[in-house]
């Protein structure tokens, strides 16, 4: 259970950073581009977008994210890019079940 909590804490720190950046944007900061992501991260984003579209949902869970991630260590930059790109499509990742 502790490992899940650590992963959640890391993701939450990324989300908090994104929120701070939205409130106080840095002039030279570039938003992540889907095309600039590594192939496995593009596939992850595509899976999540397809799932949201198929379910006609604007919210997915961290479990959805975990299922879509590749079997390698994912960097905080990868996660940040995923969150940004999904948010550009109006999709959020949230805790718990999405109904």
N, C-alpha and C. Protein backbone atom coordinates (compact mmCIF):
# COMPACT_ATOMS: atom_id res chain seq x y z
N UNK A 1 0.82 -1.19 0.00
CA UNK A 1 0.00 0.00 0.00
C UNK A 1 0.86 1.26 0.00
N UNK A 2 2.01 1.21 0.70
CA UNK A 2 2.88 2.37 0.77
C UNK A 2 3.38 2.78 -0.61
N UNK A 3 3.68 1.81 -1.48
CA UNK A 3 4.16 2.12 -2.82
C UNK A 3 3.11 2.90 -3.60
N UNK A 4 1.83 2.49 -3.47
CA UNK A 4 0.74 3.21 -4.14
C UNK A 4 0.66 4.63 -3.61
N UNK A 5 0.81 4.81 -2.31
CA UNK A 5 0.75 6.14 -1.72
C UNK A 5 1.89 7.00 -2.22
N UNK A 6 3.10 6.42 -2.36
CA UNK A 6 4.23 7.17 -2.88
C UNK A 6 3.97 7.61 -4.32
N UNK A 7 3.44 6.72 -5.12
CA UNK A 7 3.13 7.05 -6.52
C UNK A 7 2.07 8.15 -6.57
N UNK A 8 1.07 8.03 -5.73
CA UNK A 8 0.02 9.05 -5.69
C UNK A 8 0.61 10.39 -5.28
N UNK A 9 1.49 10.39 -4.28
CA UNK A 9 2.11 11.63 -3.82
C UNK A 9 2.93 12.28 -4.93
N UNK A 10 3.67 11.46 -5.70
CA UNK A 10 4.46 12.01 -6.80
C UNK A 10 3.54 12.62 -7.86
N UNK A 11 2.45 11.92 -8.19
CA UNK A 11 1.51 12.46 -9.18
C UNK A 11 0.87 13.75 -8.67
N UNK A 12 0.52 13.76 -7.38
CA UNK A 12 -0.13 14.94 -6.82
C UNK A 12 0.83 16.13 -6.86
N UNK A 13 2.11 15.90 -6.62
CA UNK A 13 3.09 16.98 -6.71
C UNK A 13 3.14 17.54 -8.12
N UNK A 14 3.03 16.68 -9.12
CA UNK A 14 3.03 17.12 -10.51
C UNK A 14 1.78 17.95 -10.79
N UNK A 15 0.63 17.46 -10.34
CA UNK A 15 -0.62 18.18 -10.53
C UNK A 15 -0.55 19.55 -9.85
N UNK A 16 -0.03 19.59 -8.63
CA UNK A 16 0.11 20.86 -7.92
C UNK A 16 1.01 21.82 -8.69
N UNK A 17 2.10 21.30 -9.27
CA UNK A 17 2.99 22.13 -10.07
C UNK A 17 2.29 22.68 -11.30
N UNK A 18 1.48 21.86 -11.92
CA UNK A 18 0.72 22.31 -13.10
C UNK A 18 -0.24 23.42 -12.70
N UNK A 19 -0.90 23.25 -11.57
CA UNK A 19 -1.84 24.28 -11.10
C UNK A 19 -1.10 25.59 -10.83
N UNK A 20 0.08 25.51 -10.19
CA UNK A 20 0.86 26.72 -9.93
C UNK A 20 1.28 27.39 -11.23
N UNK A 21 1.67 26.59 -12.22
CA UNK A 21 2.09 27.13 -13.50
C UNK A 21 0.92 27.82 -14.20
N UNK A 22 -0.26 27.26 -14.08
CA UNK A 22 -1.44 27.91 -14.68
C UNK A 22 -1.71 29.25 -14.03
N UNK A 23 -1.49 29.33 -12.71
CA UNK A 23 -1.74 30.57 -11.99
C UNK A 23 -0.65 31.61 -12.27
N UNK A 24 0.59 31.14 -12.44
CA UNK A 24 1.73 32.03 -12.66
C UNK A 24 2.58 31.48 -13.80
N UNK A 25 2.11 31.60 -15.04
CA UNK A 25 2.86 31.00 -16.15
C UNK A 25 4.23 31.65 -16.35
N UNK A 26 5.15 30.83 -16.76
CA UNK A 26 6.49 31.29 -17.08
C UNK A 26 6.49 31.61 -18.58
N UNK A 27 7.00 32.78 -18.93
CA UNK A 27 6.92 33.24 -20.32
C UNK A 27 7.55 32.28 -21.32
N UNK A 28 8.67 31.67 -20.96
CA UNK A 28 9.36 30.83 -21.93
C UNK A 28 9.03 29.34 -21.79
N UNK A 29 8.05 29.01 -20.96
CA UNK A 29 7.68 27.61 -20.79
C UNK A 29 6.87 27.15 -21.99
N UNK A 30 7.22 26.00 -22.53
CA UNK A 30 6.48 25.44 -23.66
C UNK A 30 5.65 24.27 -23.19
N UNK A 31 4.40 24.28 -23.57
CA UNK A 31 3.54 23.16 -23.22
C UNK A 31 3.98 21.92 -23.98
N UNK A 32 3.86 20.76 -23.35
CA UNK A 32 4.27 19.53 -24.04
C UNK A 32 3.41 19.28 -25.27
N UNK A 33 4.02 18.72 -26.26
CA UNK A 33 3.33 18.40 -27.50
C UNK A 33 3.21 16.88 -27.62
N UNK A 34 2.08 16.42 -28.07
CA UNK A 34 1.86 14.99 -28.29
C UNK A 34 2.92 14.45 -29.23
N UNK A 35 3.21 15.19 -30.28
CA UNK A 35 4.18 14.74 -31.28
C UNK A 35 5.61 14.67 -30.74
N UNK A 36 5.91 15.44 -29.70
CA UNK A 36 7.26 15.46 -29.14
C UNK A 36 7.50 14.35 -28.12
N UNK A 37 6.45 13.66 -27.74
CA UNK A 37 6.58 12.58 -26.75
C UNK A 37 7.23 11.35 -27.35
N UNK A 38 7.89 10.54 -26.51
CA UNK A 38 8.37 9.25 -27.00
C UNK A 38 7.18 8.41 -27.46
N UNK A 39 7.44 7.47 -28.34
CA UNK A 39 6.36 6.67 -28.93
C UNK A 39 5.48 5.99 -27.88
N UNK A 40 6.08 5.44 -26.83
CA UNK A 40 5.27 4.75 -25.82
C UNK A 40 4.38 5.72 -25.04
N UNK A 41 4.83 6.96 -24.87
CA UNK A 41 4.00 7.96 -24.18
C UNK A 41 2.88 8.46 -25.10
N UNK A 42 3.16 8.58 -26.40
CA UNK A 42 2.09 8.94 -27.35
C UNK A 42 1.01 7.87 -27.32
N UNK A 43 1.42 6.61 -27.27
CA UNK A 43 0.46 5.51 -27.22
C UNK A 43 -0.38 5.60 -25.94
N UNK A 44 0.27 5.92 -24.82
CA UNK A 44 -0.45 6.07 -23.55
C UNK A 44 -1.51 7.15 -23.66
N UNK A 45 -1.13 8.31 -24.20
CA UNK A 45 -2.09 9.41 -24.37
C UNK A 45 -3.23 8.97 -25.29
N UNK A 46 -2.90 8.31 -26.38
CA UNK A 46 -3.93 7.85 -27.32
C UNK A 46 -4.90 6.88 -26.66
N UNK A 47 -4.37 5.97 -25.84
CA UNK A 47 -5.23 5.01 -25.13
C UNK A 47 -6.18 5.75 -24.19
N UNK A 48 -5.65 6.71 -23.45
CA UNK A 48 -6.48 7.45 -22.50
C UNK A 48 -7.53 8.30 -23.22
N UNK A 49 -7.13 8.94 -24.32
CA UNK A 49 -8.11 9.73 -25.09
C UNK A 49 -9.21 8.84 -25.65
N UNK A 50 -8.82 7.67 -26.16
CA UNK A 50 -9.81 6.74 -26.71
C UNK A 50 -10.75 6.23 -25.62
N UNK A 51 -10.21 5.95 -24.45
CA UNK A 51 -11.05 5.46 -23.35
C UNK A 51 -12.04 6.54 -22.93
N UNK A 52 -11.58 7.77 -22.80
CA UNK A 52 -12.47 8.87 -22.42
C UNK A 52 -13.56 9.06 -23.47
N UNK A 53 -13.18 8.98 -24.73
CA UNK A 53 -14.16 9.14 -25.81
C UNK A 53 -15.16 8.00 -25.82
N UNK A 54 -14.68 6.77 -25.68
CA UNK A 54 -15.58 5.60 -25.71
C UNK A 54 -16.57 5.64 -24.55
N UNK A 55 -16.10 6.13 -23.40
CA UNK A 55 -16.97 6.20 -22.22
C UNK A 55 -17.72 7.52 -22.14
N UNK A 56 -17.43 8.40 -23.08
CA UNK A 56 -18.02 9.74 -23.09
C UNK A 56 -17.84 10.42 -21.74
N UNK A 57 -16.58 10.34 -21.27
CA UNK A 57 -16.23 10.89 -19.97
C UNK A 57 -15.19 11.99 -20.13
N UNK A 58 -15.19 12.91 -19.21
CA UNK A 58 -14.18 13.96 -19.15
C UNK A 58 -13.25 13.75 -17.97
N UNK A 59 -13.47 12.64 -17.25
CA UNK A 59 -12.63 12.31 -16.10
C UNK A 59 -12.24 10.85 -16.19
N UNK A 60 -10.97 10.58 -15.92
CA UNK A 60 -10.47 9.22 -15.82
C UNK A 60 -9.84 9.07 -14.45
N UNK A 61 -9.57 7.84 -14.05
CA UNK A 61 -8.98 7.59 -12.74
C UNK A 61 -7.48 7.35 -12.86
N UNK A 62 -6.82 7.39 -11.71
CA UNK A 62 -5.40 7.02 -11.68
C UNK A 62 -5.22 5.57 -12.10
N UNK A 63 -6.21 4.72 -11.81
CA UNK A 63 -6.14 3.33 -12.27
C UNK A 63 -6.13 3.27 -13.80
N UNK A 64 -6.95 4.11 -14.45
CA UNK A 64 -6.94 4.18 -15.91
C UNK A 64 -5.55 4.58 -16.41
N UNK A 65 -4.96 5.56 -15.73
CA UNK A 65 -3.63 6.01 -16.11
C UNK A 65 -2.61 4.89 -15.94
N UNK A 66 -2.65 4.23 -14.79
CA UNK A 66 -1.70 3.14 -14.51
C UNK A 66 -1.81 2.03 -15.55
N UNK A 67 -3.03 1.69 -15.95
CA UNK A 67 -3.24 0.64 -16.95
C UNK A 67 -2.67 1.02 -18.31
N UNK A 68 -2.69 2.31 -18.63
CA UNK A 68 -2.24 2.77 -19.95
C UNK A 68 -0.73 3.00 -20.03
N UNK A 69 -0.08 3.18 -18.87
CA UNK A 69 1.35 3.48 -18.88
C UNK A 69 2.16 2.29 -19.37
N UNK A 70 3.29 2.57 -20.01
CA UNK A 70 4.17 1.49 -20.49
C UNK A 70 4.85 0.80 -19.31
N UNK A 71 5.41 -0.38 -19.53
CA UNK A 71 6.03 -1.14 -18.44
C UNK A 71 7.43 -0.67 -18.08
N UNK A 72 7.73 0.58 -18.28
CA UNK A 72 9.03 1.13 -17.91
C UNK A 72 8.83 2.18 -16.83
N UNK A 73 9.92 2.62 -16.21
CA UNK A 73 9.83 3.71 -15.26
C UNK A 73 9.43 4.97 -16.03
N UNK A 74 8.41 5.62 -15.55
CA UNK A 74 7.90 6.82 -16.19
C UNK A 74 8.42 8.02 -15.41
N UNK A 75 8.94 9.00 -16.11
CA UNK A 75 9.50 10.18 -15.46
C UNK A 75 8.40 11.16 -15.07
N UNK A 76 8.75 12.07 -14.20
CA UNK A 76 7.79 13.11 -13.83
C UNK A 76 7.46 13.98 -15.04
N UNK A 77 8.44 14.16 -15.94
CA UNK A 77 8.19 14.94 -17.16
C UNK A 77 7.17 14.23 -18.06
N UNK A 78 7.27 12.88 -18.14
CA UNK A 78 6.29 12.11 -18.91
C UNK A 78 4.89 12.31 -18.34
N UNK A 79 4.77 12.17 -17.02
CA UNK A 79 3.46 12.33 -16.38
C UNK A 79 2.93 13.74 -16.56
N UNK A 80 3.78 14.71 -16.40
CA UNK A 80 3.35 16.10 -16.58
C UNK A 80 2.82 16.32 -17.99
N UNK A 81 3.53 15.78 -18.98
CA UNK A 81 3.09 15.92 -20.37
C UNK A 81 1.74 15.25 -20.58
N UNK A 82 1.57 14.08 -20.02
CA UNK A 82 0.28 13.37 -20.15
C UNK A 82 -0.84 14.21 -19.56
N UNK A 83 -0.63 14.73 -18.34
CA UNK A 83 -1.67 15.56 -17.70
C UNK A 83 -1.98 16.79 -18.53
N UNK A 84 -0.95 17.46 -19.06
CA UNK A 84 -1.17 18.66 -19.86
C UNK A 84 -1.96 18.34 -21.13
N UNK A 85 -1.53 17.32 -21.83
CA UNK A 85 -2.19 16.99 -23.10
C UNK A 85 -3.64 16.58 -22.87
N UNK A 86 -3.87 15.78 -21.84
CA UNK A 86 -5.26 15.41 -21.52
C UNK A 86 -6.07 16.64 -21.15
N UNK A 87 -5.49 17.55 -20.39
CA UNK A 87 -6.24 18.75 -20.00
C UNK A 87 -6.57 19.62 -21.21
N UNK A 88 -5.69 19.60 -22.22
CA UNK A 88 -5.99 20.33 -23.45
C UNK A 88 -7.24 19.77 -24.13
N UNK A 89 -7.52 18.50 -23.88
CA UNK A 89 -8.71 17.85 -24.43
C UNK A 89 -9.87 17.88 -23.43
N UNK A 90 -9.70 18.59 -22.34
CA UNK A 90 -10.75 18.71 -21.33
C UNK A 90 -10.92 17.48 -20.47
N UNK A 91 -9.88 16.66 -20.35
CA UNK A 91 -9.95 15.42 -19.58
C UNK A 91 -9.05 15.54 -18.36
N UNK A 92 -9.59 15.16 -17.21
CA UNK A 92 -8.85 15.19 -15.96
C UNK A 92 -8.63 13.78 -15.44
N UNK A 93 -7.56 13.60 -14.70
CA UNK A 93 -7.29 12.34 -14.00
C UNK A 93 -7.59 12.60 -12.53
N UNK A 94 -8.43 11.75 -11.93
CA UNK A 94 -8.86 11.95 -10.56
C UNK A 94 -8.75 10.65 -9.76
N UNK A 95 -8.73 10.81 -8.44
CA UNK A 95 -8.75 9.67 -7.54
C UNK A 95 -10.12 8.98 -7.59
N UNK A 96 -10.13 7.69 -7.27
CA UNK A 96 -11.38 6.98 -7.07
C UNK A 96 -12.10 6.60 -8.34
N UNK A 97 -13.31 6.10 -8.14
CA UNK A 97 -14.13 5.67 -9.26
C UNK A 97 -14.78 6.87 -9.93
N UNK A 98 -14.82 6.83 -11.22
CA UNK A 98 -15.48 7.88 -11.99
C UNK A 98 -16.81 7.33 -12.44
N UNK A 99 -17.86 8.01 -12.06
CA UNK A 99 -19.20 7.55 -12.42
C UNK A 99 -19.84 8.47 -13.44
